[in-house]
Amino acid sequence: MKKIVNAITTIDNPYNPITQADLWRMYDINKGYNTCEYLARIARVSNDFTDEENDRNIDMAIDEILKYNPLGIYKKVSEIIEI
């Protein structure tokens, strides 16, 4: 079975946050973006939600960040993965 996974990144980060998460995160932190922490402040996730609900809430948070994009540096990337 395949699933589309969305993630947020910055326009200058050369790494894929889905397939190269460790390298992507190191670059992001070194630049001072702290995108994961920013996303965590916006996304409404909980252990009380299903994985599907949390995924949907994360996607909505990514879209909200992109809507306002305060620094003009964010973009969404998608990958189809096998689950």
N, C-alpha and C. Protein backbone atom coordinates (compact mmCIF):
# COMPACT_ATOMS: atom_id res chain seq x y z
N MET A 1 0.84 -1.18 0.00
CA MET A 1 0.00 0.00 0.00
C MET A 1 0.88 1.24 0.00
N LYS A 2 0.44 2.26 -0.71
CA LYS A 2 1.20 3.50 -0.80
C LYS A 2 0.44 4.64 -0.15
N LYS A 3 1.22 5.62 0.31
CA LYS A 3 0.65 6.76 1.01
C LYS A 3 1.43 8.01 0.61
N ILE A 4 0.72 9.12 0.45
CA ILE A 4 1.38 10.40 0.20
C ILE A 4 1.70 11.04 1.54
N VAL A 5 2.97 11.40 1.70
CA VAL A 5 3.43 12.06 2.92
C VAL A 5 3.86 13.48 2.55
N ASN A 6 3.35 14.44 3.30
CA ASN A 6 3.71 15.85 3.10
C ASN A 6 4.63 16.30 4.22
N ALA A 7 5.51 17.22 3.90
CA ALA A 7 6.41 17.79 4.90
C ALA A 7 6.68 19.24 4.53
N ILE A 8 7.18 19.97 5.49
CA ILE A 8 7.56 21.37 5.26
C ILE A 8 9.07 21.45 5.25
N THR A 9 9.58 22.35 4.43
CA THR A 9 11.02 22.59 4.36
C THR A 9 11.24 24.05 4.01
N THR A 10 12.48 24.43 3.92
CA THR A 10 12.82 25.79 3.49
C THR A 10 13.37 25.72 2.08
N ILE A 11 13.26 26.82 1.38
CA ILE A 11 13.65 26.83 -0.03
C ILE A 11 15.14 26.60 -0.25
N ASP A 12 15.95 26.84 0.78
CA ASP A 12 17.40 26.70 0.63
C ASP A 12 17.95 25.38 1.15
N ASN A 13 17.11 24.57 1.79
CA ASN A 13 17.61 23.32 2.37
C ASN A 13 17.75 22.28 1.25
N PRO A 14 18.97 21.78 1.01
CA PRO A 14 19.18 20.83 -0.08
C PRO A 14 18.72 19.40 0.22
N TYR A 15 18.32 19.14 1.46
CA TYR A 15 17.95 17.80 1.87
C TYR A 15 16.43 17.62 1.91
N ASN A 16 16.00 16.40 1.65
CA ASN A 16 14.58 16.07 1.67
C ASN A 16 14.19 15.71 3.11
N PRO A 17 13.21 16.40 3.69
CA PRO A 17 12.84 16.12 5.08
C PRO A 17 12.18 14.76 5.27
N ILE A 18 11.72 14.15 4.20
CA ILE A 18 11.06 12.85 4.30
C ILE A 18 12.07 11.72 4.17
N THR A 19 12.98 11.83 3.22
CA THR A 19 13.91 10.73 2.95
C THR A 19 15.31 10.94 3.54
N GLN A 20 15.62 12.18 3.93
CA GLN A 20 16.93 12.50 4.50
C GLN A 20 16.75 13.30 5.79
N ALA A 21 15.91 12.80 6.66
CA ALA A 21 15.47 13.55 7.84
C ALA A 21 16.62 14.06 8.71
N ASP A 22 17.61 13.23 8.99
CA ASP A 22 18.70 13.65 9.88
C ASP A 22 19.52 14.79 9.27
N LEU A 23 19.89 14.65 7.99
CA LEU A 23 20.65 15.70 7.32
C LEU A 23 19.81 16.96 7.19
N TRP A 24 18.53 16.78 6.85
CA TRP A 24 17.62 17.91 6.72
C TRP A 24 17.53 18.68 8.04
N ARG A 25 17.36 17.95 9.13
CA ARG A 25 17.19 18.60 10.44
C ARG A 25 18.47 19.33 10.88
N MET A 26 19.63 18.70 10.66
CA MET A 26 20.89 19.36 11.00
C MET A 26 21.05 20.68 10.25
N TYR A 27 20.75 20.67 8.96
CA TYR A 27 20.84 21.89 8.15
C TYR A 27 19.87 22.94 8.69
N ASP A 28 18.64 22.53 8.96
CA ASP A 28 17.60 23.42 9.44
C ASP A 28 17.99 24.07 10.77
N ILE A 29 18.51 23.28 11.68
CA ILE A 29 18.91 23.80 12.99
C ILE A 29 20.12 24.74 12.85
N ASN A 30 21.10 24.33 12.03
CA ASN A 30 22.29 25.16 11.83
C ASN A 30 21.95 26.53 11.25
N LYS A 31 20.91 26.60 10.44
CA LYS A 31 20.47 27.87 9.87
C LYS A 31 19.62 28.68 10.85
N GLY A 32 19.23 28.04 11.96
CA GLY A 32 18.42 28.73 12.96
C GLY A 32 16.93 28.78 12.66
N TYR A 33 16.48 27.97 11.69
CA TYR A 33 15.06 27.98 11.33
C TYR A 33 14.19 27.27 12.37
N ASN A 34 14.68 26.14 12.86
CA ASN A 34 13.92 25.35 13.84
C ASN A 34 12.50 25.07 13.36
N THR A 35 12.42 24.59 12.12
CA THR A 35 11.14 24.36 11.47
C THR A 35 10.29 23.33 12.20
N CYS A 36 10.90 22.28 12.73
CA CYS A 36 10.13 21.27 13.46
C CYS A 36 9.45 21.87 14.68
N GLU A 37 10.16 22.72 15.38
CA GLU A 37 9.60 23.36 16.56
C GLU A 37 8.48 24.33 16.17
N TYR A 38 8.68 25.05 15.08
CA TYR A 38 7.65 25.96 14.58
C TYR A 38 6.39 25.19 14.21
N LEU A 39 6.57 24.10 13.49
CA LEU A 39 5.43 23.26 13.10
C LEU A 39 4.74 22.69 14.33
N ALA A 40 5.50 22.29 15.33
CA ALA A 40 4.92 21.73 16.55
C ALA A 40 4.07 22.77 17.30
N ARG A 41 4.44 24.03 17.20
CA ARG A 41 3.64 25.07 17.86
C ARG A 41 2.31 25.30 17.15
N ILE A 42 2.26 25.04 15.85
CA ILE A 42 1.06 25.30 15.06
C ILE A 42 0.15 24.07 14.98
N ALA A 43 0.74 22.89 14.84
CA ALA A 43 -0.04 21.66 14.64
C ALA A 43 -0.75 21.24 15.92
N ARG A 44 -1.97 20.83 15.78
CA ARG A 44 -2.74 20.33 16.92
C ARG A 44 -2.73 18.81 16.86
N VAL A 45 -1.75 18.23 17.55
CA VAL A 45 -1.62 16.77 17.59
C VAL A 45 -1.74 16.30 19.04
N SER A 46 -2.15 15.05 19.17
CA SER A 46 -2.37 14.51 20.52
C SER A 46 -2.32 13.00 20.47
N ASN A 47 -1.92 12.41 21.58
CA ASN A 47 -1.99 10.95 21.70
C ASN A 47 -3.43 10.46 21.70
N ASP A 48 -4.36 11.36 21.95
CA ASP A 48 -5.78 11.01 21.93
C ASP A 48 -6.33 10.90 20.52
N PHE A 49 -5.61 11.42 19.52
CA PHE A 49 -6.03 11.36 18.13
C PHE A 49 -5.47 10.11 17.46
N THR A 50 -6.12 9.68 16.40
CA THR A 50 -5.58 8.59 15.59
C THR A 50 -4.40 9.12 14.78
N ASP A 51 -3.61 8.21 14.23
CA ASP A 51 -2.50 8.62 13.37
C ASP A 51 -3.02 9.44 12.19
N GLU A 52 -4.15 9.01 11.64
CA GLU A 52 -4.73 9.72 10.50
C GLU A 52 -5.15 11.14 10.89
N GLU A 53 -5.73 11.30 12.06
CA GLU A 53 -6.12 12.64 12.52
C GLU A 53 -4.89 13.51 12.74
N ASN A 54 -3.87 12.96 13.37
CA ASN A 54 -2.63 13.72 13.57
C ASN A 54 -2.00 14.11 12.24
N ASP A 55 -1.96 13.18 11.29
CA ASP A 55 -1.41 13.48 9.96
C ASP A 55 -2.19 14.62 9.30
N ARG A 56 -3.50 14.55 9.39
CA ARG A 56 -4.35 15.58 8.80
C ARG A 56 -4.10 16.95 9.48
N ASN A 57 -3.96 16.93 10.79
CA ASN A 57 -3.69 18.18 11.53
C ASN A 57 -2.32 18.76 11.19
N ILE A 58 -1.34 17.90 11.00
CA ILE A 58 -0.01 18.36 10.59
C ILE A 58 -0.08 18.97 9.19
N ASP A 59 -0.80 18.32 8.28
CA ASP A 59 -0.97 18.87 6.93
C ASP A 59 -1.64 20.24 6.98
N MET A 60 -2.66 20.38 7.81
CA MET A 60 -3.34 21.67 7.94
C MET A 60 -2.40 22.73 8.51
N ALA A 61 -1.55 22.34 9.46
CA ALA A 61 -0.59 23.28 10.03
C ALA A 61 0.43 23.71 8.99
N ILE A 62 0.89 22.78 8.17
CA ILE A 62 1.83 23.13 7.09
C ILE A 62 1.17 24.13 6.16
N ASP A 63 -0.09 23.88 5.79
CA ASP A 63 -0.79 24.81 4.90
C ASP A 63 -0.95 26.18 5.55
N GLU A 64 -1.19 26.22 6.85
CA GLU A 64 -1.32 27.50 7.55
C GLU A 64 0.00 28.26 7.54
N ILE A 65 1.10 27.56 7.80
CA ILE A 65 2.42 28.20 7.76
C ILE A 65 2.69 28.75 6.36
N LEU A 66 2.36 27.97 5.34
CA LEU A 66 2.58 28.42 3.97
C LEU A 66 1.69 29.59 3.60
N LYS A 67 0.50 29.63 4.15
CA LYS A 67 -0.42 30.73 3.86
C LYS A 67 0.17 32.06 4.33
N TYR A 68 0.74 32.06 5.51
CA TYR A 68 1.29 33.29 6.07
C TYR A 68 2.77 33.44 5.76
N ASN A 69 3.52 32.34 5.75
CA ASN A 69 4.93 32.27 5.36
C ASN A 69 5.69 33.54 5.76
N PRO A 70 5.80 33.79 7.06
CA PRO A 70 6.32 35.08 7.53
C PRO A 70 7.71 35.44 7.01
N LEU A 71 8.54 34.45 6.78
CA LEU A 71 9.89 34.74 6.29
C LEU A 71 10.02 34.54 4.78
N GLY A 72 8.97 34.03 4.13
CA GLY A 72 9.02 33.78 2.70
C GLY A 72 9.96 32.65 2.31
N ILE A 73 10.22 31.73 3.25
CA ILE A 73 11.23 30.70 2.98
C ILE A 73 10.67 29.28 2.96
N TYR A 74 9.40 29.11 3.30
CA TYR A 74 8.87 27.75 3.45
C TYR A 74 8.22 27.23 2.18
N LYS A 75 8.28 25.91 2.02
CA LYS A 75 7.57 25.24 0.94
C LYS A 75 7.18 23.83 1.42
N LYS A 76 6.21 23.26 0.72
CA LYS A 76 5.75 21.90 1.04
C LYS A 76 6.36 20.93 0.05
N VAL A 77 6.79 19.78 0.54
CA VAL A 77 7.26 18.71 -0.33
C VAL A 77 6.43 17.47 -0.03
N SER A 78 6.27 16.63 -1.05
CA SER A 78 5.48 15.41 -0.91
C SER A 78 6.26 14.23 -1.48
N GLU A 79 6.04 13.09 -0.90
CA GLU A 79 6.63 11.84 -1.37
C GLU A 79 5.57 10.76 -1.28
N ILE A 80 5.61 9.84 -2.21
CA ILE A 80 4.77 8.65 -2.10
C ILE A 80 5.63 7.57 -1.49
N ILE A 81 5.17 7.03 -0.36
CA ILE A 81 5.96 6.01 0.33
C ILE A 81 5.14 4.72 0.43
N GLU A 82 5.85 3.66 0.57
CA GLU A 82 5.24 2.34 0.77
C GLU A 82 5.01 2.14 2.27
N ILE A 83 3.79 1.75 2.64
CA ILE A 83 3.53 1.50 4.06
C ILE A 83 3.11 0.06 4.28
